[in-house]
Amino acid sequence: DEPFAPDFERGLRWNDPALGIRWP
């Protein structure tokens, strides 16, 4: 619902231990 706005973009590291995501 919003165009890509690189100045407002952020990212989280996919394997950040604080998130605890288990990729299959």
mmCIF file of all heavy atoms, coordinates in Angstrom:
data_MODEL
# 
_entry.id   MODEL 
# 
loop_
_atom_site.group_PDB 
_atom_site.id 
_atom_site.type_symbol 
_atom_site.label_atom_id 
_atom_site.label_alt_id 
_atom_site.label_comp_id 
_atom_site.label_asym_id 
_atom_site.label_entity_id 
_atom_site.label_seq_id 
_atom_site.pdbx_PDB_ins_code 
_atom_site.Cartn_x 
_atom_site.Cartn_y 
_atom_site.Cartn_z 
_atom_site.occupancy 
_atom_site.B_iso_or_equiv 
_atom_site.pdbx_formal_charge 
_atom_site.auth_seq_id 
_atom_site.auth_comp_id 
_atom_site.auth_asym_id 
_atom_site.auth_atom_id 
_atom_site.pdbx_PDB_model_num 
ATOM 1   N N   . ASP A 1 1  ? 0.805  -1.218  0.000  1.00 0.00 ? 1  ASP A N   1 
ATOM 2   C CA  . ASP A 1 1  ? 0.000  0.000   0.000  1.00 0.00 ? 1  ASP A CA  1 
ATOM 3   C C   . ASP A 1 1  ? 0.842  1.274   0.000  1.00 0.00 ? 1  ASP A C   1 
ATOM 4   O O   . ASP A 1 1  ? 0.302  2.370   0.013  1.00 0.00 ? 1  ASP A O   1 
ATOM 5   C CB  . ASP A 1 1  ? -0.986 0.015   1.173  1.00 0.00 ? 1  ASP A CB  1 
ATOM 6   C CG  . ASP A 1 1  ? -0.330 0.312   2.490  1.00 0.00 ? 1  ASP A CG  1 
ATOM 7   O OD1 . ASP A 1 1  ? 0.839  -0.059  2.680  1.00 0.00 ? 1  ASP A OD1 1 
ATOM 8   O OD2 . ASP A 1 1  ? -0.992 0.928   3.353  1.00 0.00 ? 1  ASP A OD2 1 
ATOM 9   N N   . GLU A 1 2  ? 2.169  1.131   -0.019 1.00 0.00 ? 2  GLU A N   1 
ATOM 10  C CA  . GLU A 1 2  ? 3.098  2.263   -0.113 1.00 0.00 ? 2  GLU A CA  1 
ATOM 11  C C   . GLU A 1 2  ? 4.184  1.910   -1.114 1.00 0.00 ? 2  GLU A C   1 
ATOM 12  O O   . GLU A 1 2  ? 4.666  0.776   -1.122 1.00 0.00 ? 2  GLU A O   1 
ATOM 13  C CB  . GLU A 1 2  ? 3.784  2.534   1.232  1.00 0.00 ? 2  GLU A CB  1 
ATOM 14  C CG  . GLU A 1 2  ? 2.972  3.308   2.238  1.00 0.00 ? 2  GLU A CG  1 
ATOM 15  C CD  . GLU A 1 2  ? 2.819  4.781   1.895  1.00 0.00 ? 2  GLU A CD  1 
ATOM 16  O OE1 . GLU A 1 2  ? 3.664  5.356   1.186  1.00 0.00 ? 2  GLU A OE1 1 
ATOM 17  O OE2 . GLU A 1 2  ? 1.815  5.361   2.342  1.00 0.00 ? 2  GLU A OE2 1 
ATOM 18  N N   . PRO A 1 3  ? 4.603  2.857   -1.932 1.00 0.00 ? 3  PRO A N   1 
ATOM 19  C CA  . PRO A 1 3  ? 5.730  2.576   -2.819 1.00 0.00 ? 3  PRO A CA  1 
ATOM 20  C C   . PRO A 1 3  ? 7.011  2.381   -2.013 1.00 0.00 ? 3  PRO A C   1 
ATOM 21  O O   . PRO A 1 3  ? 7.118  2.832   -0.866 1.00 0.00 ? 3  PRO A O   1 
ATOM 22  C CB  . PRO A 1 3  ? 5.843  3.838   -3.687 1.00 0.00 ? 3  PRO A CB  1 
ATOM 23  C CG  . PRO A 1 3  ? 4.622  4.637   -3.436 1.00 0.00 ? 3  PRO A CG  1 
ATOM 24  C CD  . PRO A 1 3  ? 4.037  4.183   -2.145 1.00 0.00 ? 3  PRO A CD  1 
ATOM 25  N N   . PHE A 1 4  ? 7.989  1.731   -2.610 1.00 0.00 ? 4  PHE A N   1 
ATOM 26  C CA  . PHE A 1 4  ? 9.282  1.530   -1.972 1.00 0.00 ? 4  PHE A CA  1 
ATOM 27  C C   . PHE A 1 4  ? 9.905  2.889   -1.663 1.00 0.00 ? 4  PHE A C   1 
ATOM 28  O O   . PHE A 1 4  ? 9.971  3.762   -2.524 1.00 0.00 ? 4  PHE A O   1 
ATOM 29  C CB  . PHE A 1 4  ? 10.195 0.707   -2.876 1.00 0.00 ? 4  PHE A CB  1 
ATOM 30  C CG  . PHE A 1 4  ? 11.579 0.506   -2.326 1.00 0.00 ? 4  PHE A CG  1 
ATOM 31  C CD1 . PHE A 1 4  ? 11.768 -0.131  -1.112 1.00 0.00 ? 4  PHE A CD1 1 
ATOM 32  C CD2 . PHE A 1 4  ? 12.681 0.963   -3.023 1.00 0.00 ? 4  PHE A CD2 1 
ATOM 33  C CE1 . PHE A 1 4  ? 13.046 -0.330  -0.596 1.00 0.00 ? 4  PHE A CE1 1 
ATOM 34  C CE2 . PHE A 1 4  ? 13.963 0.776   -2.523 1.00 0.00 ? 4  PHE A CE2 1 
ATOM 35  C CZ  . PHE A 1 4  ? 14.139 0.130   -1.301 1.00 0.00 ? 4  PHE A CZ  1 
ATOM 36  N N   . ALA A 1 5  ? 10.355 3.055   -0.414 1.00 0.00 ? 5  ALA A N   1 
ATOM 37  C CA  . ALA A 1 5  ? 10.954 4.312   0.038  1.00 0.00 ? 5  ALA A CA  1 
ATOM 38  C C   . ALA A 1 5  ? 12.268 3.982   0.751  1.00 0.00 ? 5  ALA A C   1 
ATOM 39  O O   . ALA A 1 5  ? 12.284 3.765   1.965  1.00 0.00 ? 5  ALA A O   1 
ATOM 40  C CB  . ALA A 1 5  ? 9.995  5.052   0.961  1.00 0.00 ? 5  ALA A CB  1 
ATOM 41  N N   . PRO A 1 6  ? 13.383 3.919   0.018  1.00 0.00 ? 6  PRO A N   1 
ATOM 42  C CA  . PRO A 1 6  ? 14.645 3.471   0.608  1.00 0.00 ? 6  PRO A CA  1 
ATOM 43  C C   . PRO A 1 6  ? 15.094 4.279   1.822  1.00 0.00 ? 6  PRO A C   1 
ATOM 44  O O   . PRO A 1 6  ? 15.755 3.735   2.708  1.00 0.00 ? 6  PRO A O   1 
ATOM 45  C CB  . PRO A 1 6  ? 15.649 3.570   -0.542 1.00 0.00 ? 6  PRO A CB  1 
ATOM 46  C CG  . PRO A 1 6  ? 14.969 4.251   -1.661 1.00 0.00 ? 6  PRO A CG  1 
ATOM 47  C CD  . PRO A 1 6  ? 13.503 4.255   -1.402 1.00 0.00 ? 6  PRO A CD  1 
ATOM 48  N N   . ASP A 1 7  ? 14.736 5.549   1.897  1.00 0.00 ? 7  ASP A N   1 
ATOM 49  C CA  . ASP A 1 7  ? 15.129 6.363   3.059  1.00 0.00 ? 7  ASP A CA  1 
ATOM 50  C C   . ASP A 1 7  ? 14.391 5.963   4.329  1.00 0.00 ? 7  ASP A C   1 
ATOM 51  O O   . ASP A 1 7  ? 14.779 6.373   5.424  1.00 0.00 ? 7  ASP A O   1 
ATOM 52  C CB  . ASP A 1 7  ? 14.899 7.852   2.784  1.00 0.00 ? 7  ASP A CB  1 
ATOM 53  C CG  . ASP A 1 7  ? 15.847 8.396   1.722  1.00 0.00 ? 7  ASP A CG  1 
ATOM 54  O OD1 . ASP A 1 7  ? 16.881 7.744   1.446  1.00 0.00 ? 7  ASP A OD1 1 
ATOM 55  O OD2 . ASP A 1 7  ? 15.551 9.465   1.159  1.00 0.00 ? 7  ASP A OD2 1 
ATOM 56  N N   . PHE A 1 8  ? 13.331 5.180   4.197  1.00 0.00 ? 8  PHE A N   1 
ATOM 57  C CA  . PHE A 1 8  ? 12.534 4.745   5.342  1.00 0.00 ? 8  PHE A CA  1 
ATOM 58  C C   . PHE A 1 8  ? 12.633 3.233   5.562  1.00 0.00 ? 8  PHE A C   1 
ATOM 59  O O   . PHE A 1 8  ? 11.887 2.676   6.346  1.00 0.00 ? 8  PHE A O   1 
ATOM 60  C CB  . PHE A 1 8  ? 11.067 5.153   5.155  1.00 0.00 ? 8  PHE A CB  1 
ATOM 61  C CG  . PHE A 1 8  ? 10.874 6.639   5.150  1.00 0.00 ? 8  PHE A CG  1 
ATOM 62  C CD1 . PHE A 1 8  ? 11.002 7.375   3.983  1.00 0.00 ? 8  PHE A CD1 1 
ATOM 63  C CD2 . PHE A 1 8  ? 10.578 7.308   6.329  1.00 0.00 ? 8  PHE A CD2 1 
ATOM 64  C CE1 . PHE A 1 8  ? 10.844 8.749   3.986  1.00 0.00 ? 8  PHE A CE1 1 
ATOM 65  C CE2 . PHE A 1 8  ? 10.421 8.677   6.346  1.00 0.00 ? 8  PHE A CE2 1 
ATOM 66  C CZ  . PHE A 1 8  ? 10.550 9.403   5.177  1.00 0.00 ? 8  PHE A CZ  1 
ATOM 67  N N   . GLU A 1 9  ? 13.548 2.608   4.858  1.00 0.00 ? 9  GLU A N   1 
ATOM 68  C CA  . GLU A 1 9  ? 13.687 1.149   4.939  1.00 0.00 ? 9  GLU A CA  1 
ATOM 69  C C   . GLU A 1 9  ? 14.624 0.749   6.070  1.00 0.00 ? 9  GLU A C   1 
ATOM 70  O O   . GLU A 1 9  ? 15.629 1.403   6.336  1.00 0.00 ? 9  GLU A O   1 
ATOM 71  C CB  . GLU A 1 9  ? 14.219 0.602   3.618  1.00 0.00 ? 9  GLU A CB  1 
ATOM 72  C CG  . GLU A 1 9  ? 14.331 -0.902  3.619  1.00 0.00 ? 9  GLU A CG  1 
ATOM 73  C CD  . GLU A 1 9  ? 15.000 -1.460  2.377  1.00 0.00 ? 9  GLU A CD  1 
ATOM 74  O OE1 . GLU A 1 9  ? 15.864 -0.777  1.786  1.00 0.00 ? 9  GLU A OE1 1 
ATOM 75  O OE2 . GLU A 1 9  ? 14.660 -2.588  2.014  1.00 0.00 ? 9  GLU A OE2 1 
ATOM 76  N N   . ARG A 1 10 ? 14.271 -0.352  6.719  1.00 0.00 ? 10 ARG A N   1 
ATOM 77  C CA  . ARG A 1 10 ? 15.120 -0.969  7.731  1.00 0.00 ? 10 ARG A CA  1 
ATOM 78  C C   . ARG A 1 10 ? 15.096 -2.472  7.504  1.00 0.00 ? 10 ARG A C   1 
ATOM 79  O O   . ARG A 1 10 ? 14.244 -2.995  6.791  1.00 0.00 ? 10 ARG A O   1 
ATOM 80  C CB  . ARG A 1 10 ? 14.621 -0.687  9.150  1.00 0.00 ? 10 ARG A CB  1 
ATOM 81  C CG  . ARG A 1 10 ? 14.748 0.743   9.614  1.00 0.00 ? 10 ARG A CG  1 
ATOM 82  C CD  . ARG A 1 10 ? 16.207 1.098   9.919  1.00 0.00 ? 10 ARG A CD  1 
ATOM 83  N NE  . ARG A 1 10 ? 16.331 2.400   10.518 1.00 0.00 ? 10 ARG A NE  1 
ATOM 84  C CZ  . ARG A 1 10 ? 16.445 3.538   9.859  1.00 0.00 ? 10 ARG A CZ  1 
ATOM 85  N NH1 . ARG A 1 10 ? 16.402 3.544   8.544  1.00 0.00 ? 10 ARG A NH1 1 
ATOM 86  N NH2 . ARG A 1 10 ? 16.581 4.674   10.493 1.00 0.00 ? 10 ARG A NH2 1 
ATOM 87  N N   . GLY A 1 11 ? 16.006 -3.157  8.162  1.00 0.00 ? 11 GLY A N   1 
ATOM 88  C CA  . GLY A 1 11 ? 16.031 -4.603  8.079  1.00 0.00 ? 11 GLY A CA  1 
ATOM 89  C C   . GLY A 1 11 ? 16.552 -5.209  9.366  1.00 0.00 ? 11 GLY A C   1 
ATOM 90  O O   . GLY A 1 11 ? 17.339 -4.593  10.095 1.00 0.00 ? 11 GLY A O   1 
ATOM 91  N N   . LEU A 1 12 ? 16.074 -6.409  9.652  1.00 0.00 ? 12 LEU A N   1 
ATOM 92  C CA  . LEU A 1 12 ? 16.559 -7.203  10.780 1.00 0.00 ? 12 LEU A CA  1 
ATOM 93  C C   . LEU A 1 12 ? 17.360 -8.365  10.209 1.00 0.00 ? 12 LEU A C   1 
ATOM 94  O O   . LEU A 1 12 ? 17.002 -8.917  9.164  1.00 0.00 ? 12 LEU A O   1 
ATOM 95  C CB  . LEU A 1 12 ? 15.390 -7.756  11.596 1.00 0.00 ? 12 LEU A CB  1 
ATOM 96  C CG  . LEU A 1 12 ? 14.424 -6.746  12.207 1.00 0.00 ? 12 LEU A CG  1 
ATOM 97  C CD1 . LEU A 1 12 ? 13.259 -7.471  12.860 1.00 0.00 ? 12 LEU A CD1 1 
ATOM 98  C CD2 . LEU A 1 12 ? 15.140 -5.866  13.214 1.00 0.00 ? 12 LEU A CD2 1 
ATOM 99  N N   . ARG A 1 13 ? 18.415 -8.750  10.911 1.00 0.00 ? 13 ARG A N   1 
ATOM 100 C CA  . ARG A 1 13 ? 19.226 -9.872  10.435 1.00 0.00 ? 13 ARG A CA  1 
ATOM 101 C C   . ARG A 1 13 ? 18.426 -11.164 10.593 1.00 0.00 ? 13 ARG A C   1 
ATOM 102 O O   . ARG A 1 13 ? 17.860 -11.435 11.643 1.00 0.00 ? 13 ARG A O   1 
ATOM 103 C CB  . ARG A 1 13 ? 20.556 -9.940  11.172 1.00 0.00 ? 13 ARG A CB  1 
ATOM 104 C CG  . ARG A 1 13 ? 21.540 -10.899 10.511 1.00 0.00 ? 13 ARG A CG  1 
ATOM 105 C CD  . ARG A 1 13 ? 22.977 -10.674 10.960 1.00 0.00 ? 13 ARG A CD  1 
ATOM 106 N NE  . ARG A 1 13 ? 23.132 -10.703 12.393 1.00 0.00 ? 13 ARG A NE  1 
ATOM 107 C CZ  . ARG A 1 13 ? 23.276 -11.805 13.113 1.00 0.00 ? 13 ARG A CZ  1 
ATOM 108 N NH1 . ARG A 1 13 ? 23.258 -12.996 12.538 1.00 0.00 ? 13 ARG A NH1 1 
ATOM 109 N NH2 . ARG A 1 13 ? 23.432 -11.732 14.416 1.00 0.00 ? 13 ARG A NH2 1 
ATOM 110 N N   . TRP A 1 14 ? 18.424 -11.961 9.566  1.00 0.00 ? 14 TRP A N   1 
ATOM 111 C CA  . TRP A 1 14 ? 17.602 -13.174 9.486  1.00 0.00 ? 14 TRP A CA  1 
ATOM 112 C C   . TRP A 1 14 ? 17.909 -14.169 10.603 1.00 0.00 ? 14 TRP A C   1 
ATOM 113 O O   . TRP A 1 14 ? 17.037 -14.916 11.020 1.00 0.00 ? 14 TRP A O   1 
ATOM 114 C CB  . TRP A 1 14 ? 17.784 -13.838 8.118  1.00 0.00 ? 14 TRP A CB  1 
ATOM 115 C CG  . TRP A 1 14 ? 19.180 -14.350 7.888  1.00 0.00 ? 14 TRP A CG  1 
ATOM 116 C CD1 . TRP A 1 14 ? 20.259 -13.630 7.459  1.00 0.00 ? 14 TRP A CD1 1 
ATOM 117 C CD2 . TRP A 1 14 ? 19.653 -15.668 8.101  1.00 0.00 ? 14 TRP A CD2 1 
ATOM 118 N NE1 . TRP A 1 14 ? 21.374 -14.429 7.390  1.00 0.00 ? 14 TRP A NE1 1 
ATOM 119 C CE2 . TRP A 1 14 ? 21.029 -15.694 7.780  1.00 0.00 ? 14 TRP A CE2 1 
ATOM 120 C CE3 . TRP A 1 14 ? 19.048 -16.852 8.529  1.00 0.00 ? 14 TRP A CE3 1 
ATOM 121 C CZ2 . TRP A 1 14 ? 21.802 -16.833 7.870  1.00 0.00 ? 14 TRP A CZ2 1 
ATOM 122 C CZ3 . TRP A 1 14 ? 19.831 -17.988 8.613  1.00 0.00 ? 14 TRP A CZ3 1 
ATOM 123 C CH2 . TRP A 1 14 ? 21.184 -17.977 8.290  1.00 0.00 ? 14 TRP A CH2 1 
ATOM 124 N N   . ASN A 1 15 ? 19.128 -14.165 11.113 1.00 0.00 ? 15 ASN A N   1 
ATOM 125 C CA  . ASN A 1 15 ? 19.512 -15.131 12.149 1.00 0.00 ? 15 ASN A CA  1 
ATOM 126 C C   . ASN A 1 15 ? 19.879 -14.449 13.471 1.00 0.00 ? 15 ASN A C   1 
ATOM 127 O O   . ASN A 1 15 ? 20.641 -14.991 14.260 1.00 0.00 ? 15 ASN A O   1 
ATOM 128 C CB  . ASN A 1 15 ? 20.645 -16.025 11.662 1.00 0.00 ? 15 ASN A CB  1 
ATOM 129 C CG  . ASN A 1 15 ? 21.899 -15.253 11.290 1.00 0.00 ? 15 ASN A CG  1 
ATOM 130 O OD1 . ASN A 1 15 ? 21.898 -14.024 11.255 1.00 0.00 ? 15 ASN A OD1 1 
ATOM 131 N ND2 . ASN A 1 15 ? 22.967 -15.970 11.000 1.00 0.00 ? 15 ASN A ND2 1 
ATOM 132 N N   . ASP A 1 16 ? 19.305 -13.284 13.712 1.00 0.00 ? 16 ASP A N   1 
ATOM 133 C CA  . ASP A 1 16 ? 19.522 -12.567 14.972 1.00 0.00 ? 16 ASP A CA  1 
ATOM 134 C C   . ASP A 1 16 ? 19.036 -13.446 16.123 1.00 0.00 ? 16 ASP A C   1 
ATOM 135 O O   . ASP A 1 16 ? 17.872 -13.853 16.151 1.00 0.00 ? 16 ASP A O   1 
ATOM 136 C CB  . ASP A 1 16 ? 18.749 -11.250 14.936 1.00 0.00 ? 16 ASP A CB  1 
ATOM 137 C CG  . ASP A 1 16 ? 18.909 -10.405 16.187 1.00 0.00 ? 16 ASP A CG  1 
ATOM 138 O OD1 . ASP A 1 16 ? 19.328 -10.916 17.244 1.00 0.00 ? 16 ASP A OD1 1 
ATOM 139 O OD2 . ASP A 1 16 ? 18.574 -9.208  16.109 1.00 0.00 ? 16 ASP A OD2 1 
ATOM 140 N N   . PRO A 1 17 ? 19.899 -13.779 17.087 1.00 0.00 ? 17 PRO A N   1 
ATOM 141 C CA  . PRO A 1 17 ? 19.485 -14.649 18.196 1.00 0.00 ? 17 PRO A CA  1 
ATOM 142 C C   . PRO A 1 17 ? 18.321 -14.077 19.020 1.00 0.00 ? 17 PRO A C   1 
ATOM 143 O O   . PRO A 1 17 ? 17.557 -14.835 19.601 1.00 0.00 ? 17 PRO A O   1 
ATOM 144 C CB  . PRO A 1 17 ? 20.740 -14.788 19.057 1.00 0.00 ? 17 PRO A CB  1 
ATOM 145 C CG  . PRO A 1 17 ? 21.845 -14.126 18.343 1.00 0.00 ? 17 PRO A CG  1 
ATOM 146 C CD  . PRO A 1 17 ? 21.306 -13.393 17.160 1.00 0.00 ? 17 PRO A CD  1 
ATOM 147 N N   . ALA A 1 18 ? 18.183 -12.753 19.040 1.00 0.00 ? 18 ALA A N   1 
ATOM 148 C CA  . ALA A 1 18 ? 17.081 -12.139 19.800 1.00 0.00 ? 18 ALA A CA  1 
ATOM 149 C C   . ALA A 1 18 ? 15.723 -12.500 19.207 1.00 0.00 ? 18 ALA A C   1 
ATOM 150 O O   . ALA A 1 18 ? 14.711 -12.475 19.912 1.00 0.00 ? 18 ALA A O   1 
ATOM 151 C CB  . ALA A 1 18 ? 17.248 -10.623 19.846 1.00 0.00 ? 18 ALA A CB  1 
ATOM 152 N N   . LEU A 1 19 ? 15.695 -12.845 17.928 1.00 0.00 ? 19 LEU A N   1 
ATOM 153 C CA  . LEU A 1 19 ? 14.426 -13.179 17.271 1.00 0.00 ? 19 LEU A CA  1 
ATOM 154 C C   . LEU A 1 19 ? 14.101 -14.662 17.393 1.00 0.00 ? 19 LEU A C   1 
ATOM 155 O O   . LEU A 1 19 ? 12.937 -15.039 17.443 1.00 0.00 ? 19 LEU A O   1 
ATOM 156 C CB  . LEU A 1 19 ? 14.465 -12.764 15.796 1.00 0.00 ? 19 LEU A CB  1 
ATOM 157 C CG  . LEU A 1 19 ? 14.771 -11.294 15.527 1.00 0.00 ? 19 LEU A CG  1 
ATOM 158 C CD1 . LEU A 1 19 ? 14.845 -11.035 14.026 1.00 0.00 ? 19 LEU A CD1 1 
ATOM 159 C CD2 . LEU A 1 19 ? 13.759 -10.384 16.200 1.00 0.00 ? 19 LEU A CD2 1 
ATOM 160 N N   . GLY A 1 20 ? 15.099 -15.507 17.379 1.00 0.00 ? 20 GLY A N   1 
ATOM 161 C CA  . GLY A 1 20 ? 14.886 -16.944 17.550 1.00 0.00 ? 20 GLY A CA  1 
ATOM 162 C C   . GLY A 1 20 ? 14.115 -17.621 16.435 1.00 0.00 ? 20 GLY A C   1 
ATOM 163 O O   . GLY A 1 20 ? 13.418 -18.604 16.664 1.00 0.00 ? 20 GLY A O   1 
ATOM 164 N N   . ILE A 1 21 ? 14.234 -17.125 15.222 1.00 0.00 ? 21 ILE A N   1 
ATOM 165 C CA  . ILE A 1 21 ? 13.525 -17.735 14.087 1.00 0.00 ? 21 ILE A CA  1 
ATOM 166 C C   . ILE A 1 21 ? 14.239 -19.021 13.687 1.00 0.00 ? 21 ILE A C   1 
ATOM 167 O O   . ILE A 1 21 ? 15.453 -19.034 13.508 1.00 0.00 ? 21 ILE A O   1 
ATOM 168 C CB  . ILE A 1 21 ? 13.447 -16.770 12.893 1.00 0.00 ? 21 ILE A CB  1 
ATOM 169 C CG1 . ILE A 1 21 ? 12.681 -15.501 13.296 1.00 0.00 ? 21 ILE A CG1 1 
ATOM 170 C CG2 . ILE A 1 21 ? 12.794 -17.460 11.685 1.00 0.00 ? 21 ILE A CG2 1 
ATOM 171 C CD1 . ILE A 1 21 ? 12.767 -14.395 12.273 1.00 0.00 ? 21 ILE A CD1 1 
ATOM 172 N N   . ARG A 1 22 ? 13.476 -20.087 13.541 1.00 0.00 ? 22 ARG A N   1 
ATOM 173 C CA  . ARG A 1 22 ? 14.026 -21.376 13.100 1.00 0.00 ? 22 ARG A CA  1 
ATOM 174 C C   . ARG A 1 22 ? 13.641 -21.579 11.640 1.00 0.00 ? 22 ARG A C   1 
ATOM 175 O O   . ARG A 1 22 ? 12.504 -21.917 11.329 1.00 0.00 ? 22 ARG A O   1 
ATOM 176 C CB  . ARG A 1 22 ? 13.475 -22.496 13.970 1.00 0.00 ? 22 ARG A CB  1 
ATOM 177 C CG  . ARG A 1 22 ? 13.896 -22.332 15.424 1.00 0.00 ? 22 ARG A CG  1 
ATOM 178 C CD  . ARG A 1 22 ? 13.208 -23.341 16.262 1.00 0.00 ? 22 ARG A CD  1 
ATOM 179 N NE  . ARG A 1 22 ? 14.135 -24.454 16.442 1.00 0.00 ? 22 ARG A NE  1 
ATOM 180 C CZ  . ARG A 1 22 ? 14.056 -25.305 17.434 1.00 0.00 ? 22 ARG A CZ  1 
ATOM 181 N NH1 . ARG A 1 22 ? 13.086 -25.206 18.310 1.00 0.00 ? 22 ARG A NH1 1 
ATOM 182 N NH2 . ARG A 1 22 ? 14.929 -26.269 17.544 1.00 0.00 ? 22 ARG A NH2 1 
ATOM 183 N N   . TRP A 1 23 ? 14.599 -21.354 10.775 1.00 0.00 ? 23 TRP A N   1 
ATOM 184 C CA  . TRP A 1 23 ? 14.371 -21.529 9.349  1.00 0.00 ? 23 TRP A CA  1 
ATOM 185 C C   . TRP A 1 23 ? 14.446 -23.023 9.035  1.00 0.00 ? 23 TRP A C   1 
ATOM 186 O O   . TRP A 1 23 ? 15.353 -23.711 9.498  1.00 0.00 ? 23 TRP A O   1 
ATOM 187 C CB  . TRP A 1 23 ? 15.401 -20.733 8.555  1.00 0.00 ? 23 TRP A CB  1 
ATOM 188 C CG  . TRP A 1 23 ? 15.343 -19.257 8.865  1.00 0.00 ? 23 TRP A CG  1 
ATOM 189 C CD1 . TRP A 1 23 ? 16.139 -18.574 9.747  1.00 0.00 ? 23 TRP A CD1 1 
ATOM 190 C CD2 . TRP A 1 23 ? 14.423 -18.306 8.344  1.00 0.00 ? 23 TRP A CD2 1 
ATOM 191 N NE1 . TRP A 1 23 ? 15.773 -17.251 9.788  1.00 0.00 ? 23 TRP A NE1 1 
ATOM 192 C CE2 . TRP A 1 23 ? 14.720 -17.058 8.934  1.00 0.00 ? 23 TRP A CE2 1 
ATOM 193 C CE3 . TRP A 1 23 ? 13.381 -18.375 7.431  1.00 0.00 ? 23 TRP A CE3 1 
ATOM 194 C CZ2 . TRP A 1 23 ? 14.020 -15.895 8.641  1.00 0.00 ? 23 TRP A CZ2 1 
ATOM 195 C CZ3 . TRP A 1 23 ? 12.675 -17.217 7.130  1.00 0.00 ? 23 TRP A CZ3 1 
ATOM 196 C CH2 . TRP A 1 23 ? 12.991 -15.999 7.730  1.00 0.00 ? 23 TRP A CH2 1 
ATOM 197 N N   . PRO A 1 24 ? 13.510 -23.552 8.239  1.00 0.00 ? 24 PRO A N   1 
ATOM 198 C CA  . PRO A 1 24 ? 13.417 -25.000 8.047  1.00 0.00 ? 24 PRO A CA  1 
ATOM 199 C C   . PRO A 1 24 ? 14.439 -25.609 7.097  1.00 0.00 ? 24 PRO A C   1 
ATOM 200 O O   . PRO A 1 24 ? 14.587 -26.824 7.058  1.00 0.00 ? 24 PRO A O   1 
ATOM 201 C CB  . PRO A 1 24 ? 12.001 -25.180 7.497  1.00 0.00 ? 24 PRO A CB  1 
ATOM 202 C CG  . PRO A 1 24 ? 11.716 -23.903 6.782  1.00 0.00 ? 24 PRO A CG  1 
ATOM 203 C CD  . PRO A 1 24 ? 12.412 -22.835 7.595  1.00 0.00 ? 24 PRO A CD  1 
# 
